Structure formats: C-alpha cells, structure tokens
C-alpha cells in the first residue's frame, strides 16, 4: 500500500484530516493533521473551532507507528504536528474555511500582460485577503500601501493607495498558505457589559 494511502486511512480512522505529508533528508517523515471542518449551517449556532493538541499528535503518532511498521514503510523519525499559523491551503474546502483571512499565494506562471501595468509582469507572489470572486473562483484583495509605524502621523491630504484585486482558480496556484501574521500586543481590552 502507498504511503499516502496508509497515512490517510490511519489519520481519518482516528477522526482527523490529513493536511500534509513531507519526507525530509535523514529519514524524517513529517505528518500534519487538523480537525475536520464543516461549513456553517445557516440558522444554526457557530461551532467553536477545535485546535489540535499535543495529546492528539501523540495518539496519531502511536497509531501511525503501528500502521507503518505493519506495511514496512522505511523511515527513521516520525513527527506529527498541527498545521500552524502558516497552514497550507490545498482544496476548495480549505479556501472556503479561510475566506476573509489574509493568505499568501504563489502562481505557477508570472502575471505577464494580464498585469496591465498594475503590478510587475514577472510577479508570482501575492498577499491579500481571500474572498469568493463574483463570477466563480477566488480572489485576493490588497493594497501596496506601507503599514503605519507606531506614532506616525498621517496627512489628511494624503491619498491612500488603491485596493488591488487578483482573481484566480486553484489550478493556477503553485502554493497557497495562511499568512503568518502575529499580533504581539496581547489581548484587546475586555468589553464591559452595559448595565441598564
């Protein structure tokens, strides 16, 4: 049985989704798992998002070690982890799940003439907010305006950089990932409930 099939069956049998399989030098076999995601049902309360824990990774590791040994899969070290903040987006369901998030995409081919002078014709990498395109497919929206520095004053006369939109299909992508954006400011202020 092929490695992909063994790992998929084992991970799915334990109730998880297989995100990625990666073989590295030195015999490292890296498996990335996540909880299955279901699109929200209209009218039903939103379910809280589940996150993969160390215990989940241990459970999958133990089961995979057994399954890989039975099928004589050659590896030196097995590593099972959660997708992390730069999670790869692989299929339509992933894109639907992360609609509204900032993502990084790499196109298979540069923009070329389709860029119409708006961006470099050789550009393949983009970062923007993911949304459904009006006529099918997907799009990202971004602005090339540099972020404000803390305490920086903005002139009221300054014209903001225009928003740009790039539509694409999954077939045009080499890679797509959640943008690893980390906010080090901590939690926001707690809302005080109104009394009355």
C-alpha atoms as a PDB file:
ATOM      1  CA  UNK A   1       0.000   0.000   0.000  1.00  0.00           C
ATOM      2  CA  UNK A   2       1.281   3.528  -0.819  1.00  0.00           C
ATOM      3  CA  UNK A   3       2.456   5.810   1.986  1.00  0.00           C
ATOM      4  CA  UNK A   4      -0.219   8.443   1.218  1.00  0.00           C
ATOM      5  CA  UNK A   5      -2.983   5.846   1.471  1.00  0.00           C
ATOM      6  CA  UNK A   6      -1.673   4.325   4.712  1.00  0.00           C
ATOM      7  CA  UNK A   7      -1.383   7.722   6.402  1.00  0.00           C
ATOM      8  CA  UNK A   8      -4.755   8.996   5.115  1.00  0.00           C
ATOM      9  CA  UNK A   9      -6.601   5.881   6.301  1.00  0.00           C
ATOM     10  CA  UNK A  10      -4.932   5.933   9.714  1.00  0.00           C
ATOM     11  CA  UNK A  11      -5.468   9.659  10.317  1.00  0.00           C
ATOM     12  CA  UNK A  12      -9.092   9.594   9.061  1.00  0.00           C
ATOM     13  CA  UNK A  13      -9.795   6.481  11.147  1.00  0.00           C
ATOM     14  CA  UNK A  14      -8.900   8.467  14.254  1.00  0.00           C
ATOM     15  CA  UNK A  15     -11.214  11.328  13.222  1.00  0.00           C
ATOM     16  CA  UNK A  16      -8.672  13.837  11.881  1.00  0.00           C
ATOM     17  CA  UNK A  17      -7.914  15.361   8.476  1.00  0.00           C
ATOM     18  CA  UNK A  18      -4.545  14.842   6.804  1.00  0.00           C
ATOM     19  CA  UNK A  19      -3.160  18.239   5.798  1.00  0.00           C
ATOM     20  CA  UNK A  20       0.311  17.334   4.549  1.00  0.00           C
ATOM     21  CA  UNK A  21       2.892  14.537   4.283  1.00  0.00           C
ATOM     22  CA  UNK A  22       6.520  15.541   3.936  1.00  0.00           C
ATOM     23  CA  UNK A  23       9.628  13.370   3.648  1.00  0.00           C
ATOM     24  CA  UNK A  24      12.908  15.077   4.541  1.00  0.00           C
ATOM     25  CA  UNK A  25      16.564  14.148   4.434  1.00  0.00           C
ATOM     26  CA  UNK A  26      17.755  11.847   7.163  1.00  0.00           C
ATOM     27  CA  UNK A  27      14.590   9.724   7.117  1.00  0.00           C
ATOM     28  CA  UNK A  28      12.247  12.258   8.737  1.00  0.00           C
ATOM     29  CA  UNK A  29       8.581  11.657   7.974  1.00  0.00           C
ATOM     30  CA  UNK A  30       6.511  14.729   8.895  1.00  0.00           C
ATOM     31  CA  UNK A  31       2.708  14.414   9.071  1.00  0.00           C
ATOM     32  CA  UNK A  32       0.444  17.431   9.593  1.00  0.00           C
ATOM     33  CA  UNK A  33      -3.088  16.856  10.908  1.00  0.00           C
ATOM     34  CA  UNK A  34      -6.104  19.008  11.690  1.00  0.00           C
ATOM     35  CA  UNK A  35      -9.665  18.562  12.884  1.00  0.00           C
ATOM     36  CA  UNK A  36     -12.207  18.155  10.083  1.00  0.00           C
ATOM     37  CA  UNK A  37     -14.088  21.336   9.208  1.00  0.00           C
ATOM     38  CA  UNK A  38     -17.735  21.549   8.283  1.00  0.00           C
ATOM     39  CA  UNK A  39     -19.209  24.651   6.626  1.00  0.00           C
ATOM     40  CA  UNK A  40     -21.538  26.511   8.988  1.00  0.00           C
ATOM     41  CA  UNK A  41     -25.229  25.683   8.647  1.00  0.00           C
ATOM     42  CA  UNK A  42     -27.421  28.733   8.172  1.00  0.00           C
ATOM     43  CA  UNK A  43     -29.549  29.413  11.233  1.00  0.00           C
ATOM     44  CA  UNK A  44     -27.502  27.091  13.452  1.00  0.00           C
ATOM     45  CA  UNK A  45     -25.130  28.470  16.086  1.00  0.00           C
ATOM     46  CA  UNK A  46     -21.482  28.559  15.004  1.00  0.00           C
ATOM     47  CA  UNK A  47     -19.422  25.748  16.446  1.00  0.00           C
ATOM     48  CA  UNK A  48     -16.239  26.752  18.297  1.00  0.00           C
ATOM     49  CA  UNK A  49     -13.098  25.972  16.310  1.00  0.00           C
ATOM     50  CA  UNK A  50     -11.133  22.972  17.588  1.00  0.00           C
ATOM     51  CA  UNK A  51      -7.356  23.037  17.723  1.00  0.00           C
ATOM     52  CA  UNK A  52      -5.006  20.053  17.530  1.00  0.00           C
ATOM     53  CA  UNK A  53      -3.382  19.364  20.916  1.00  0.00           C
ATOM     54  CA  UNK A  54      -0.214  17.516  21.937  1.00  0.00           C
ATOM     55  CA  UNK A  55      -2.427  14.610  23.038  1.00  0.00           C
ATOM     56  CA  UNK A  56      -3.976  14.444  19.538  1.00  0.00           C
ATOM     57  CA  UNK A  57      -0.493  14.312  17.982  1.00  0.00           C
ATOM     58  CA  UNK A  58       0.594  11.572  20.410  1.00  0.00           C
ATOM     59  CA  UNK A  59      -2.497   9.482  19.607  1.00  0.00           C
ATOM     60  CA  UNK A  60      -1.897   9.749  15.843  1.00  0.00           C
ATOM     61  CA  UNK A  61       1.846   9.078  16.271  1.00  0.00           C
ATOM     62  CA  UNK A  62       1.225   5.826  18.175  1.00  0.00           C
ATOM     63  CA  UNK A  63      -1.286   4.581  15.592  1.00  0.00           C
ATOM     64  CA  UNK A  64       0.905   5.608  12.630  1.00  0.00           C
ATOM     65  CA  UNK A  65       3.977   3.874  14.086  1.00  0.00           C
ATOM     66  CA  UNK A  66       1.989   0.647  14.218  1.00  0.00           C
ATOM     67  CA  UNK A  67       0.493   1.063  10.705  1.00  0.00           C
ATOM     68  CA  UNK A  68       3.843   1.989   9.122  1.00  0.00           C
ATOM     69  CA  UNK A  69       5.583  -0.965  10.777  1.00  0.00           C
ATOM     70  CA  UNK A  70       2.929  -3.403   9.517  1.00  0.00           C
ATOM     71  CA  UNK A  71       3.417  -2.125   5.937  1.00  0.00           C
ATOM     72  CA  UNK A  72       7.248  -1.979   6.233  1.00  0.00           C
ATOM     73  CA  UNK A  73       7.494   1.745   5.459  1.00  0.00           C
ATOM     74  CA  UNK A  74      11.096   2.912   5.784  1.00  0.00           C
ATOM     75  CA  UNK A  75      11.607   5.994   7.961  1.00  0.00           C
ATOM     76  CA  UNK A  76      13.960   6.974  10.791  1.00  0.00           C
ATOM     77  CA  UNK A  77      11.861   9.508  12.689  1.00  0.00           C
ATOM     78  CA  UNK A  78       8.140  10.329  12.703  1.00  0.00           C
ATOM     79  CA  UNK A  79       6.859  13.803  13.521  1.00  0.00           C
ATOM     80  CA  UNK A  80       3.116  14.564  13.805  1.00  0.00           C
ATOM     81  CA  UNK A  81       2.035  18.176  14.267  1.00  0.00           C
ATOM     82  CA  UNK A  82      -0.751  20.713  13.792  1.00  0.00           C
ATOM     83  CA  UNK A  83      -0.788  22.946  10.690  1.00  0.00           C
ATOM     84  CA  UNK A  84       0.488  26.056  12.495  1.00  0.00           C
ATOM     85  CA  UNK A  85      -0.034  29.710  11.595  1.00  0.00           C
ATOM     86  CA  UNK A  86       1.159  29.299   8.000  1.00  0.00           C
ATOM     87  CA  UNK A  87      -1.182  26.412   7.205  1.00  0.00           C
ATOM     88  CA  UNK A  88      -1.202  25.274   3.568  1.00  0.00           C
ATOM     89  CA  UNK A  89      -4.484  25.630   1.663  1.00  0.00           C
ATOM     90  CA  UNK A  90      -4.891  22.656  -0.654  1.00  0.00           C
ATOM     91  CA  UNK A  91      -8.502  22.317  -1.774  1.00  0.00           C
ATOM     92  CA  UNK A  92     -11.811  24.131  -2.251  1.00  0.00           C
ATOM     93  CA  UNK A  93     -12.924  23.346   1.328  1.00  0.00           C
ATOM     94  CA  UNK A  94      -9.730  24.937   2.748  1.00  0.00           C
ATOM     95  CA  UNK A  95     -10.378  28.112   0.752  1.00  0.00           C
ATOM     96  CA  UNK A  96     -14.000  28.195   1.893  1.00  0.00           C
ATOM     97  CA  UNK A  97     -12.939  27.680   5.527  1.00  0.00           C
ATOM     98  CA  UNK A  98     -10.449  30.561   5.459  1.00  0.00           C
ATOM     99  CA  UNK A  99     -12.479  33.085   3.448  1.00  0.00           C
ATOM    100  CA  UNK A 100     -11.806  36.541   4.909  1.00  0.00           C
ATOM    101  CA  UNK A 101      -8.306  35.625   6.137  1.00  0.00           C
ATOM    102  CA  UNK A 102      -5.044  37.051   4.787  1.00  0.00           C
ATOM    103  CA  UNK A 103      -3.245  34.480   2.641  1.00  0.00           C
ATOM    104  CA  UNK A 104      -0.013  34.212   0.645  1.00  0.00           C
ATOM    105  CA  UNK A 105      -0.261  32.727  -2.846  1.00  0.00           C
ATOM    106  CA  UNK A 106       2.332  31.794  -5.452  1.00  0.00           C
ATOM    107  CA  UNK A 107       1.147  31.491  -9.041  1.00  0.00           C
ATOM    108  CA  UNK A 108       2.514  28.816 -11.388  1.00  0.00           C
ATOM    109  CA  UNK A 109       3.188  31.447 -14.067  1.00  0.00           C
ATOM    110  CA  UNK A 110       4.004  35.176 -13.781  1.00  0.00           C
ATOM    111  CA  UNK A 111       1.270  37.751 -14.426  1.00  0.00           C
ATOM    112  CA  UNK A 112       2.682  38.818 -17.828  1.00  0.00           C
ATOM    113  CA  UNK A 113       0.443  41.011 -19.977  1.00  0.00           C
ATOM    114  CA  UNK A 114      -2.544  40.342 -17.689  1.00  0.00           C
ATOM    115  CA  UNK A 115      -0.926  42.667 -15.116  1.00  0.00           C
ATOM    116  CA  UNK A 116      -1.700  45.627 -17.426  1.00  0.00           C
ATOM    117  CA  UNK A 117       0.988  47.696 -15.715  1.00  0.00           C
ATOM    118  CA  UNK A 118      -0.728  47.465 -12.302  1.00  0.00           C
ATOM    119  CA  UNK A 119       1.937  45.103 -10.895  1.00  0.00           C
ATOM    120  CA  UNK A 120       5.241  43.783 -12.240  1.00  0.00           C
ATOM    121  CA  UNK A 121       4.682  41.444 -15.195  1.00  0.00           C
ATOM    122  CA  UNK A 122       7.118  38.946 -13.588  1.00  0.00           C
ATOM    123  CA  UNK A 123       5.324  38.881 -10.234  1.00  0.00           C
ATOM    124  CA  UNK A 124       4.134  35.495  -8.961  1.00  0.00           C
ATOM    125  CA  UNK A 125       3.748  36.068  -5.195  1.00  0.00           C
ATOM    126  CA  UNK A 126       0.881  37.981  -3.616  1.00  0.00           C
ATOM    127  CA  UNK A 127      -0.553  38.553  -0.135  1.00  0.00           C
ATOM    128  CA  UNK A 128      -4.129  39.654   0.369  1.00  0.00           C
ATOM    129  CA  UNK A 129      -7.498  38.993   1.937  1.00  0.00           C
ATOM    130  CA  UNK A 130      -9.222  35.925   0.477  1.00  0.00           C
ATOM    131  CA  UNK A 131     -12.770  36.144  -0.853  1.00  0.00           C
ATOM    132  CA  UNK A 132     -15.035  34.490  -3.419  1.00  0.00           C
ATOM    133  CA  UNK A 133     -14.787  36.049  -6.867  1.00  0.00           C
ATOM    134  CA  UNK A 134     -18.021  37.450  -8.292  1.00  0.00           C
ATOM    135  CA  UNK A 135     -18.016  35.128 -11.326  1.00  0.00           C
ATOM    136  CA  UNK A 136     -16.689  31.954  -9.703  1.00  0.00           C
ATOM    137  CA  UNK A 137     -13.224  31.086  -8.485  1.00  0.00           C
ATOM    138  CA  UNK A 138     -11.389  33.049  -5.807  1.00  0.00           C
ATOM    139  CA  UNK A 139      -9.739  36.423  -5.381  1.00  0.00           C
ATOM    140  CA  UNK A 140      -7.441  38.265  -3.032  1.00  0.00           C
ATOM    141  CA  UNK A 141      -7.644  41.980  -2.292  1.00  0.00           C
ATOM    142  CA  UNK A 142      -4.647  44.032  -1.131  1.00  0.00           C
ATOM    143  CA  UNK A 143      -3.113  47.474  -1.028  1.00  0.00           C
ATOM    144  CA  UNK A 144       0.568  48.181  -1.680  1.00  0.00           C
ATOM    145  CA  UNK A 145       0.480  50.989   0.904  1.00  0.00           C
ATOM    146  CA  UNK A 146       3.207  50.511   3.543  1.00  0.00           C
ATOM    147  CA  UNK A 147       1.927  49.870   7.074  1.00  0.00           C
ATOM    148  CA  UNK A 148       1.933  52.798   9.520  1.00  0.00           C
ATOM    149  CA  UNK A 149       4.675  52.882  12.118  1.00  0.00           C
ATOM    150  CA  UNK A 150       3.683  53.413  15.765  1.00  0.00           C
ATOM    151  CA  UNK A 151       3.080  57.109  16.417  1.00  0.00           C
ATOM    152  CA  UNK A 152       3.299  58.015  12.733  1.00  0.00           C
ATOM    153  CA  UNK A 153       1.068  60.952  11.736  1.00  0.00           C
ATOM    154  CA  UNK A 154      -0.919  60.673   8.517  1.00  0.00           C
ATOM    155  CA  UNK A 155      -1.629  63.774   6.457  1.00  0.00           C
ATOM    156  CA  UNK A 156      -5.312  64.341   5.741  1.00  0.00           C
ATOM    157  CA  UNK A 157      -4.327  65.318   2.194  1.00  0.00           C
ATOM    158  CA  UNK A 158      -2.591  62.002   1.524  1.00  0.00           C
ATOM    159  CA  UNK A 159      -4.397  59.840  -0.989  1.00  0.00           C
ATOM    160  CA  UNK A 160      -4.417  56.171   0.095  1.00  0.00           C
ATOM    161  CA  UNK A 161      -3.004  53.566  -2.274  1.00  0.00           C
ATOM    162  CA  UNK A 162      -5.764  51.921  -4.307  1.00  0.00           C
ATOM    163  CA  UNK A 163      -7.017  48.449  -3.482  1.00  0.00           C
ATOM    164  CA  UNK A 164      -5.964  45.809  -5.984  1.00  0.00           C
ATOM    165  CA  UNK A 165      -7.752  42.569  -6.782  1.00  0.00           C
ATOM    166  CA  UNK A 166      -6.386  39.362  -8.261  1.00  0.00           C
ATOM    167  CA  UNK A 167      -8.808  36.650  -9.353  1.00  0.00           C
ATOM    168  CA  UNK A 168      -7.540  33.082  -9.680  1.00  0.00           C
ATOM    169  CA  UNK A 169      -8.534  29.431  -9.852  1.00  0.00           C
ATOM    170  CA  UNK A 170      -6.925  26.687  -7.780  1.00  0.00           C
ATOM    171  CA  UNK A 171      -5.358  25.268 -10.973  1.00  0.00           C
ATOM    172  CA  UNK A 172      -3.316  28.488 -11.393  1.00  0.00           C
ATOM    173  CA  UNK A 173      -1.687  28.174  -7.945  1.00  0.00           C
ATOM    174  CA  UNK A 174       1.657  26.602  -7.145  1.00  0.00           C
ATOM    175  CA  UNK A 175       1.113  27.188  -3.413  1.00  0.00           C
ATOM    176  CA  UNK A 176      -1.298  28.904  -1.027  1.00  0.00           C
ATOM    177  CA  UNK A 177      -0.870  29.371   2.726  1.00  0.00           C
ATOM    178  CA  UNK A 178      -2.372  31.374   5.546  1.00  0.00           C
ATOM    179  CA  UNK A 179      -0.207  34.461   6.047  1.00  0.00           C
ATOM    180  CA  UNK A 180       1.750  34.076   9.305  1.00  0.00           C
ATOM    181  CA  UNK A 181       0.586  37.304  10.941  1.00  0.00           C
ATOM    182  CA  UNK A 182       1.242  37.541  14.666  1.00  0.00           C
ATOM    183  CA  UNK A 183      -0.073  40.296  16.937  1.00  0.00           C
ATOM    184  CA  UNK A 184       2.290  40.833  19.867  1.00  0.00           C
ATOM    185  CA  UNK A 185       0.085  43.468  21.501  1.00  0.00           C
ATOM    186  CA  UNK A 186      -1.745  40.854  23.509  1.00  0.00           C
ATOM    187  CA  UNK A 187      -5.434  40.595  24.069  1.00  0.00           C
ATOM    188  CA  UNK A 188      -7.608  43.604  23.465  1.00  0.00           C
ATOM    189  CA  UNK A 189      -9.426  45.361  26.250  1.00  0.00           C
ATOM    190  CA  UNK A 190     -12.333  43.389  27.634  1.00  0.00           C
ATOM    191  CA  UNK A 191     -15.736  44.742  26.813  1.00  0.00           C
ATOM    192  CA  UNK A 192     -17.615  45.880  29.871  1.00  0.00           C
ATOM    193  CA  UNK A 193     -21.229  44.699  29.705  1.00  0.00           C
ATOM    194  CA  UNK A 194     -23.740  47.523  29.619  1.00  0.00           C
ATOM    195  CA  UNK A 195     -25.905  47.824  32.677  1.00  0.00           C
ATOM    196  CA  UNK A 196     -29.396  49.060  32.491  1.00  0.00           C
END
